[in-house]
Amino acid sequence: MQNVMRDAVGRMGGAPPTEPDPQAMAAHVAAGGSPYDLIEPSAWFSYSSLDTFERCPRQYAFRYLCRLPAEQARPAADFGSAAHGAFEAFTRERRERLARGEPPPSRADLGRFFESAWARTSLSVEADAETWRRRAEPMLDQFWAAESAKPVGSDERAETLGEELRFRLHLPLDPATLVTVSGFIDRIDRLASGAVELIDYKTGHAGPPEEAESSLQLSIYALACRDTLGLGRPERVTLYFVEHGARFSAGRTDAALDTVRTGLATRARQIRGSDFVPTPSPRSCGWCDFAAMCPMNVSEWSRSAVVSCSSAAVRQAGRRLALRFSSPGRRRGRAGPAHRGGSWRRRRPGCPRGRRR
């Protein structure tokens, strides 16, 4: 499959990008320019990238354009990956056993699925590894109790159709430009009504019930379910806070999903036309993996503020951008999903971050 970035450039009548000289890029930055002047606008987006841009455009650029690796370990993210991996394996095994006429997996099976997913993370080498293990047990107990509350095959139990279902939403921005919003849906269940429910697992603190109503992530999933997966508009979308056993659900109307589709195209245009000026705030800076590279004089943020980054950081950004031009299909760094030959793949649960959920 041809690289989608090269295809997109071809559709716009341009030539594939060539490799820039990192030294020339550094000189361009020193003269007051931005390294992002020298890179093709992105044609691929995800909920995570849209959310990152909303927090801080510069953080988006470092992560999704420069593909800089994150420096900080994120045990909470690894814990979430292990939980997702266990739940995915459990519902898939249950579906396959049911098809063979066998009993469903047990609580012990769920524990083994979690151990397998845990082993593919770096949690075991964390100083507080045992704290994370103790935190997992009540979560697994709650999940098992909820999944076992109704007999398999009963009219009251939803049928799980699939896990980690990949989608690609294609959005025309103009007659010459097509962008794609891609992602993975944690779980899709078939309800007794015949309609479907989309479920997104969440570890950590439980948000308010109204979050299911306002979640852009769930709206994107519902739009993909209706427009690309052939499953129709979901009857409900659900945030499942697995550590608390709390499920918050809401519906989506066709009119609301149409508005979301228009809004996604607007966001894509904004990102493609951005100069990625940072927007410092406790939320964006406190969890930013690239704070050391970013000038922190919050009173003087400007397009040329990158000049005050260290020369080493500028050279690193230049090298990353050069790789981006010379091989647009390269794997991403540990911060984002992998892109190869036009196909985006979520990091499998427990997959080392050095390769990404």
Protein backbone atom coordinates (compact mmCIF):
# COMPACT_ATOMS: atom_id res chain seq x y z
CA MET A 1 0.00 0.00 0.00
CA GLN A 2 1.39 3.41 -0.93
CA ASN A 3 2.06 5.80 1.88
CA VAL A 4 -1.03 7.93 2.55
CA MET A 5 1.03 11.10 3.00
CA ARG A 6 2.56 10.66 -0.45
CA ASP A 7 -0.89 9.90 -1.86
CA ALA A 8 -2.29 13.04 -0.26
CA VAL A 9 0.53 15.16 -1.69
CA GLY A 10 -0.07 13.63 -5.10
CA ARG A 11 -3.77 14.44 -4.93
CA MET A 12 -2.88 18.06 -4.21
CA GLY A 13 -0.57 18.23 -7.21
CA GLY A 14 2.66 18.45 -5.20
CA ALA A 15 5.78 16.32 -5.01
CA PRO A 16 6.63 13.98 -2.13
CA PRO A 17 8.57 15.77 0.60
CA THR A 18 12.34 15.64 0.42
CA GLU A 19 14.76 15.31 3.32
CA PRO A 20 15.64 18.69 4.84
CA ASP A 21 19.08 19.49 6.21
CA PRO A 22 18.87 19.59 10.05
CA GLN A 23 21.51 22.36 10.08
CA ALA A 24 19.44 24.41 7.65
CA MET A 25 16.42 23.79 9.83
CA ALA A 26 18.32 25.03 12.90
CA ALA A 27 19.33 28.16 10.97
CA HIS A 28 15.73 28.70 9.91
CA VAL A 29 14.67 28.49 13.58
CA ALA A 30 17.47 30.82 14.70
CA ALA A 31 16.27 33.38 12.14
CA GLY A 32 12.87 33.43 13.81
CA GLY A 33 11.13 30.77 11.77
CA SER A 34 9.42 27.64 12.96
CA PRO A 35 10.59 24.10 12.14
CA TYR A 36 6.95 23.31 11.44
CA ASP A 37 7.13 25.58 8.37
CA LEU A 38 9.10 22.77 6.73
CA ILE A 39 6.76 19.82 7.19
CA GLU A 40 3.69 18.71 5.31
CA PRO A 41 0.43 19.21 7.23
CA SER A 42 -0.80 16.01 8.83
CA ALA A 43 -3.44 13.99 7.02
CA TRP A 44 -3.98 11.55 9.91
CA PHE A 45 -5.59 12.29 13.26
CA SER A 46 -6.90 10.46 16.31
CA TYR A 47 -8.85 11.47 19.37
CA SER A 48 -5.58 11.57 21.33
CA SER A 49 -3.91 13.89 18.85
CA LEU A 50 -6.95 16.19 18.72
CA ASP A 51 -7.05 16.30 22.51
CA THR A 52 -3.31 17.03 22.70
CA PHE A 53 -3.65 19.93 20.26
CA GLU A 54 -6.53 21.30 22.32
CA ARG A 55 -4.29 21.28 25.42
CA CYS A 56 -1.24 22.76 23.71
CA PRO A 57 -0.43 23.05 19.97
CA ARG A 58 3.32 22.93 20.66
CA GLN A 59 2.96 19.69 22.60
CA TYR A 60 1.03 18.28 19.63
CA ALA A 61 3.84 19.30 17.26
CA PHE A 62 6.57 17.75 19.41
CA ARG A 63 4.63 14.51 19.77
CA TYR A 64 2.89 13.99 16.42
CA LEU A 65 5.01 15.96 13.93
CA CYS A 66 8.54 15.74 15.37
CA ARG A 67 7.74 12.32 16.86
CA LEU A 68 9.95 13.02 19.83
CA PRO A 69 10.08 10.22 22.39
CA ALA A 70 8.56 10.81 25.80
CA GLU A 71 11.16 10.96 28.52
CA GLN A 72 8.99 10.14 31.53
CA ALA A 73 7.81 6.67 32.45
CA ARG A 74 4.04 6.49 32.85
CA PRO A 75 3.16 3.57 35.16
CA ALA A 76 -0.50 4.62 35.15
CA ALA A 77 -0.59 4.20 31.36
CA ASP A 78 1.03 0.78 31.63
CA PHE A 79 -1.50 -0.21 34.28
CA GLY A 80 -4.30 0.86 31.94
CA SER A 81 -2.76 -1.15 29.11
CA ALA A 82 -2.58 -4.26 31.29
CA ALA A 83 -6.22 -3.84 32.34
CA HIS A 84 -7.34 -3.34 28.74
CA GLY A 85 -5.38 -6.41 27.68
CA ALA A 86 -6.97 -8.58 30.36
CA PHE A 87 -10.52 -7.46 29.58
CA GLU A 88 -9.99 -7.85 25.85
CA ALA A 89 -8.63 -11.38 26.30
CA PHE A 90 -11.47 -12.31 28.67
CA THR A 91 -14.37 -11.25 26.44
CA ARG A 92 -12.72 -12.73 23.34
CA GLU A 93 -12.11 -16.04 25.09
CA ARG A 94 -15.69 -16.07 26.38
CA ARG A 95 -17.06 -15.51 22.89
CA GLU A 96 -14.87 -18.22 21.38
CA ARG A 97 -15.70 -20.74 24.11
CA LEU A 98 -19.41 -20.04 23.75
CA ALA A 99 -19.14 -20.72 20.01
CA ARG A 100 -17.56 -24.09 20.85
CA GLY A 101 -20.21 -24.87 23.45
CA GLU A 102 -17.74 -24.67 26.33
CA PRO A 103 -18.07 -22.98 29.74
CA PRO A 104 -16.99 -19.34 29.92
CA PRO A 105 -13.60 -18.36 31.38
CA SER A 106 -13.33 -18.24 35.16
CA ARG A 107 -12.09 -15.60 37.59
CA ALA A 108 -8.80 -17.47 37.64
CA ASP A 109 -8.62 -17.15 33.85
CA LEU A 110 -9.16 -13.41 34.15
CA GLY A 111 -6.26 -13.25 36.61
CA ARG A 112 -4.02 -15.14 34.18
CA PHE A 113 -5.00 -12.80 31.35
CA PHE A 114 -3.99 -9.85 33.53
CA GLU A 115 -0.68 -11.47 34.47
CA SER A 116 0.10 -12.04 30.81
CA ALA A 117 -0.67 -8.40 29.96
CA TRP A 118 1.26 -7.21 33.04
CA ALA A 119 4.34 -9.11 31.90
CA ARG A 120 4.43 -7.09 28.68
CA THR A 121 4.71 -3.80 30.60
CA SER A 122 7.50 -2.26 32.64
CA LEU A 123 5.38 -2.28 35.80
CA SER A 124 7.28 -5.19 37.32
CA VAL A 125 10.45 -3.08 37.56
CA GLU A 126 8.73 -0.07 39.11
CA ALA A 127 9.62 0.66 42.73
CA ASP A 128 5.94 0.53 43.66
CA ALA A 129 5.14 -2.59 41.59
CA GLU A 130 3.39 -4.28 44.50
CA THR A 131 1.16 -1.24 45.00
CA TRP A 132 0.01 -1.57 41.40
CA ARG A 133 -0.59 -5.30 41.88
CA ARG A 134 -2.71 -4.70 44.97
CA ARG A 135 -4.66 -2.08 43.07
CA ALA A 136 -5.43 -4.57 40.30
CA GLU A 137 -7.13 -7.24 42.44
CA PRO A 138 -10.30 -5.32 43.41
CA MET A 139 -10.56 -4.06 39.84
CA LEU A 140 -10.50 -7.62 38.48
CA ASP A 141 -12.99 -8.72 41.14
CA GLN A 142 -15.40 -5.95 40.13
CA PHE A 143 -15.06 -6.73 36.44
CA TRP A 144 -15.60 -10.45 37.03
CA ALA A 145 -18.69 -9.82 39.17
CA ALA A 146 -20.23 -7.53 36.57
CA GLU A 147 -19.54 -9.91 33.69
CA SER A 148 -20.88 -12.90 35.64
CA ALA A 149 -24.05 -11.22 36.88
CA LYS A 150 -26.17 -12.68 34.06
CA PRO A 151 -25.84 -16.18 32.61
CA VAL A 152 -24.06 -16.46 29.27
CA GLY A 153 -26.62 -16.90 26.51
CA SER A 154 -29.49 -15.38 28.48
CA ASP A 155 -31.69 -12.74 26.87
CA GLU A 156 -30.51 -10.24 29.47
CA ARG A 157 -26.80 -10.49 28.63
CA ALA A 158 -25.38 -8.38 25.82
CA GLU A 159 -23.36 -10.23 23.22
CA THR A 160 -19.83 -8.90 22.74
CA LEU A 161 -19.25 -8.50 19.02
CA GLY A 162 -15.62 -7.50 19.15
CA GLU A 163 -12.75 -5.86 20.95
CA GLU A 164 -10.26 -3.24 19.82
CA LEU A 165 -12.16 -2.63 16.58
CA ARG A 166 -10.16 -0.36 14.32
CA PHE A 167 -11.83 2.36 12.27
CA ARG A 168 -10.87 5.07 9.80
CA LEU A 169 -13.14 8.04 9.25
CA HIS A 170 -12.35 9.83 6.00
CA LEU A 171 -13.17 13.55 5.99
CA PRO A 172 -12.93 15.71 2.85
CA LEU A 173 -11.73 19.20 3.75
CA ASP A 174 -11.97 20.47 0.18
CA PRO A 175 -12.06 18.84 -3.28
CA ALA A 176 -8.29 18.22 -3.15
CA THR A 177 -7.73 17.30 0.51
CA LEU A 178 -8.83 14.21 2.40
CA VAL A 179 -7.88 13.57 6.02
CA THR A 180 -8.51 10.55 8.21
CA VAL A 181 -9.47 10.21 11.85
CA SER A 182 -8.53 6.75 13.09
CA GLY A 183 -8.79 4.84 16.33
CA PHE A 184 -9.78 1.68 18.15
CA ILE A 185 -13.00 1.00 20.07
CA ASP A 186 -12.38 -1.01 23.24
CA ARG A 187 -15.55 -3.09 23.01
CA ILE A 188 -18.82 -3.31 21.08
CA ASP A 189 -21.78 -5.23 22.49
CA ARG A 190 -24.99 -6.27 20.74
CA LEU A 191 -27.95 -5.41 22.97
CA ALA A 192 -31.24 -7.29 23.26
CA SER A 193 -32.86 -4.56 21.14
CA GLY A 194 -30.57 -5.46 18.24
CA ALA A 195 -28.69 -2.15 18.45
CA VAL A 196 -25.14 -1.85 19.75
CA GLU A 197 -23.41 -0.34 22.76
CA LEU A 198 -19.89 1.09 22.55
CA ILE A 199 -17.81 0.67 25.70
CA ASP A 200 -14.62 2.51 26.55
CA TYR A 201 -12.68 1.18 29.56
CA LYS A 202 -11.16 3.73 31.93
CA THR A 203 -8.78 3.13 34.82
CA GLY A 204 -8.12 5.69 37.51
CA HIS A 205 -10.46 8.28 38.95
CA ALA A 206 -14.12 8.02 37.90
CA GLY A 207 -15.43 11.10 36.16
CA PRO A 208 -18.92 12.53 36.57
CA PRO A 209 -21.85 10.73 34.93
CA GLU A 210 -22.40 13.59 32.49
CA GLU A 211 -18.97 12.93 30.97
CA ALA A 212 -20.53 10.20 28.83
CA GLU A 213 -22.83 12.83 27.33
CA SER A 214 -20.08 15.33 26.54
CA SER A 215 -17.21 12.99 25.58
CA LEU A 216 -15.80 13.79 22.14
CA GLN A 217 -14.00 10.44 22.19
CA LEU A 218 -17.29 8.54 22.49
CA SER A 219 -18.87 10.75 19.83
CA ILE A 220 -16.06 9.92 17.41
CA TYR A 221 -16.53 6.22 18.14
CA ALA A 222 -20.30 6.51 17.59
CA LEU A 223 -19.72 8.33 14.32
CA ALA A 224 -17.33 5.62 13.16
CA CYS A 225 -19.82 2.93 14.18
CA ARG A 226 -22.50 4.57 12.06
CA ASP A 227 -20.45 5.71 9.06
CA THR A 228 -17.62 3.18 8.64
CA LEU A 229 -18.24 -0.02 10.60
CA GLY A 230 -21.72 -0.73 9.22
CA LEU A 231 -23.26 -1.25 12.67
CA GLY A 232 -25.62 1.71 12.62
CA ARG A 233 -25.94 4.45 15.19
CA PRO A 234 -25.26 2.96 18.64
CA GLU A 235 -28.12 2.85 21.11
CA ARG A 236 -25.75 4.03 23.80
CA VAL A 237 -22.12 4.85 24.42
CA THR A 238 -20.57 3.98 27.78
CA LEU A 239 -17.61 5.00 29.89
CA TYR A 240 -16.75 2.02 32.08
CA PHE A 241 -14.65 3.09 35.07
CA VAL A 242 -13.42 -0.39 35.86
CA GLU A 243 -11.72 0.36 39.18
CA HIS A 244 -15.02 1.64 40.58
CA GLY A 245 -17.45 -0.68 38.78
CA ALA A 246 -19.21 2.42 37.44
CA ARG A 247 -20.76 2.57 33.96
CA PHE A 248 -22.02 5.92 32.70
CA SER A 249 -23.99 5.83 29.45
CA ALA A 250 -25.57 8.29 27.07
CA GLY A 251 -27.10 8.31 23.61
CA ARG A 252 -26.16 10.13 20.42
CA THR A 253 -28.61 11.41 17.81
CA ASP A 254 -27.90 11.42 14.09
CA ALA A 255 -28.02 15.22 14.11
CA ALA A 256 -25.44 15.32 16.91
CA LEU A 257 -23.15 12.95 15.03
CA ASP A 258 -23.44 15.04 11.88
CA THR A 259 -22.35 18.04 13.93
CA VAL A 260 -19.40 16.07 15.28
CA ARG A 261 -18.32 15.18 11.75
CA THR A 262 -18.38 18.84 10.72
CA GLY A 263 -16.49 19.76 13.88
CA LEU A 264 -13.76 17.19 13.20
CA ALA A 265 -13.15 18.68 9.76
CA THR A 266 -12.93 22.14 11.35
CA ARG A 267 -10.39 20.89 13.90
CA ALA A 268 -8.32 19.23 11.18
CA ARG A 269 -8.20 22.50 9.20
CA GLN A 270 -7.14 24.37 12.33
CA ILE A 271 -4.30 21.95 13.04
CA ARG A 272 -3.10 21.87 9.44
CA GLY A 273 -2.96 25.68 9.40
CA SER A 274 -1.44 26.09 12.86
CA ASP A 275 1.95 27.59 13.71
CA PHE A 276 1.82 25.57 16.98
CA VAL A 277 2.26 28.41 19.42
CA PRO A 278 2.30 26.90 22.94
CA THR A 279 -0.55 27.55 25.36
CA PRO A 280 1.01 27.07 28.81
CA SER A 281 -1.24 26.09 31.68
CA PRO A 282 -1.03 23.82 34.72
CA ARG A 283 -2.95 21.15 32.78
CA SER A 284 -0.87 21.26 29.61
CA CYS A 285 2.56 21.82 31.15
CA GLY A 286 2.17 19.66 34.25
CA TRP A 287 1.81 16.47 32.19
CA CYS A 288 3.94 17.44 29.19
CA ASP A 289 6.75 15.05 28.26
CA PHE A 290 8.59 17.83 26.42
CA ALA A 291 8.70 20.58 29.04
CA ALA A 292 12.52 20.48 29.12
CA MET A 293 12.62 21.34 25.41
CA CYS A 294 10.02 24.09 25.58
CA PRO A 295 10.77 27.67 26.70
CA MET A 296 8.88 28.30 29.92
CA ASN A 297 8.71 32.12 29.94
CA VAL A 298 4.92 32.13 29.90
CA SER A 299 4.76 35.91 29.35
CA GLU A 300 6.63 35.77 26.03
CA TRP A 301 5.24 32.80 24.11
CA SER A 302 5.59 33.47 20.39
CA ARG A 303 6.18 31.69 17.13
CA SER A 304 9.94 32.17 17.50
CA ALA A 305 10.05 31.11 21.16
CA VAL A 306 11.63 27.82 20.12
CA VAL A 307 14.88 29.82 19.71
CA SER A 308 15.34 29.65 23.48
CA CYS A 309 15.36 25.85 23.39
CA SER A 310 18.78 24.30 23.79
CA SER A 311 20.76 23.78 20.59
CA ALA A 312 20.78 20.04 21.30
CA ALA A 313 16.99 20.04 21.50
CA VAL A 314 16.74 21.92 18.19
CA ARG A 315 19.13 19.44 16.56
CA GLN A 316 17.06 16.55 17.92
CA ALA A 317 13.86 18.10 16.54
CA GLY A 318 15.64 18.62 13.22
CA ARG A 319 16.77 15.00 13.05
CA ARG A 320 13.25 13.79 13.87
CA LEU A 321 11.75 16.02 11.20
CA ALA A 322 14.35 14.87 8.70
CA LEU A 323 13.37 11.25 9.37
CA ARG A 324 9.75 12.27 8.96
CA PHE A 325 10.51 13.61 5.47
CA SER A 326 12.85 10.85 4.34
CA SER A 327 10.58 8.01 5.52
CA PRO A 328 6.99 9.15 6.21
CA GLY A 329 6.00 5.54 6.91
CA ARG A 330 8.54 5.03 9.70
CA ARG A 331 7.32 3.86 13.05
CA ARG A 332 6.52 6.57 15.50
CA GLY A 333 8.39 7.10 18.73
CA ARG A 334 6.98 5.88 21.97
CA ALA A 335 4.53 8.79 22.16
CA GLY A 336 2.12 7.96 19.35
CA PRO A 337 0.50 5.23 17.29
CA ALA A 338 2.54 3.46 14.67
CA HIS A 339 2.10 4.32 11.02
CA ARG A 340 3.36 1.99 8.35
CA GLY A 341 2.33 1.95 4.72
CA GLY A 342 -0.69 4.09 5.50
CA SER A 343 -1.95 1.83 8.29
CA TRP A 344 -2.18 3.07 11.86
CA ARG A 345 -1.96 0.48 14.61
CA ARG A 346 -2.64 0.90 18.29
CA ARG A 347 0.07 -0.24 20.68
CA ARG A 348 -1.06 -3.59 21.91
CA PRO A 349 -1.54 -3.87 25.68
CA GLY A 350 1.80 -4.16 27.36
CA CYS A 351 3.82 -3.43 24.22
CA PRO A 352 6.97 -1.52 25.24
CA ARG A 353 6.64 2.18 24.65
CA GLY A 354 9.87 2.32 22.73
CA ARG A 355 8.50 0.96 19.57
CA ARG A 356 2.30 2.72 21.06
CA ARG A 357 -3.62 2.39 22.51
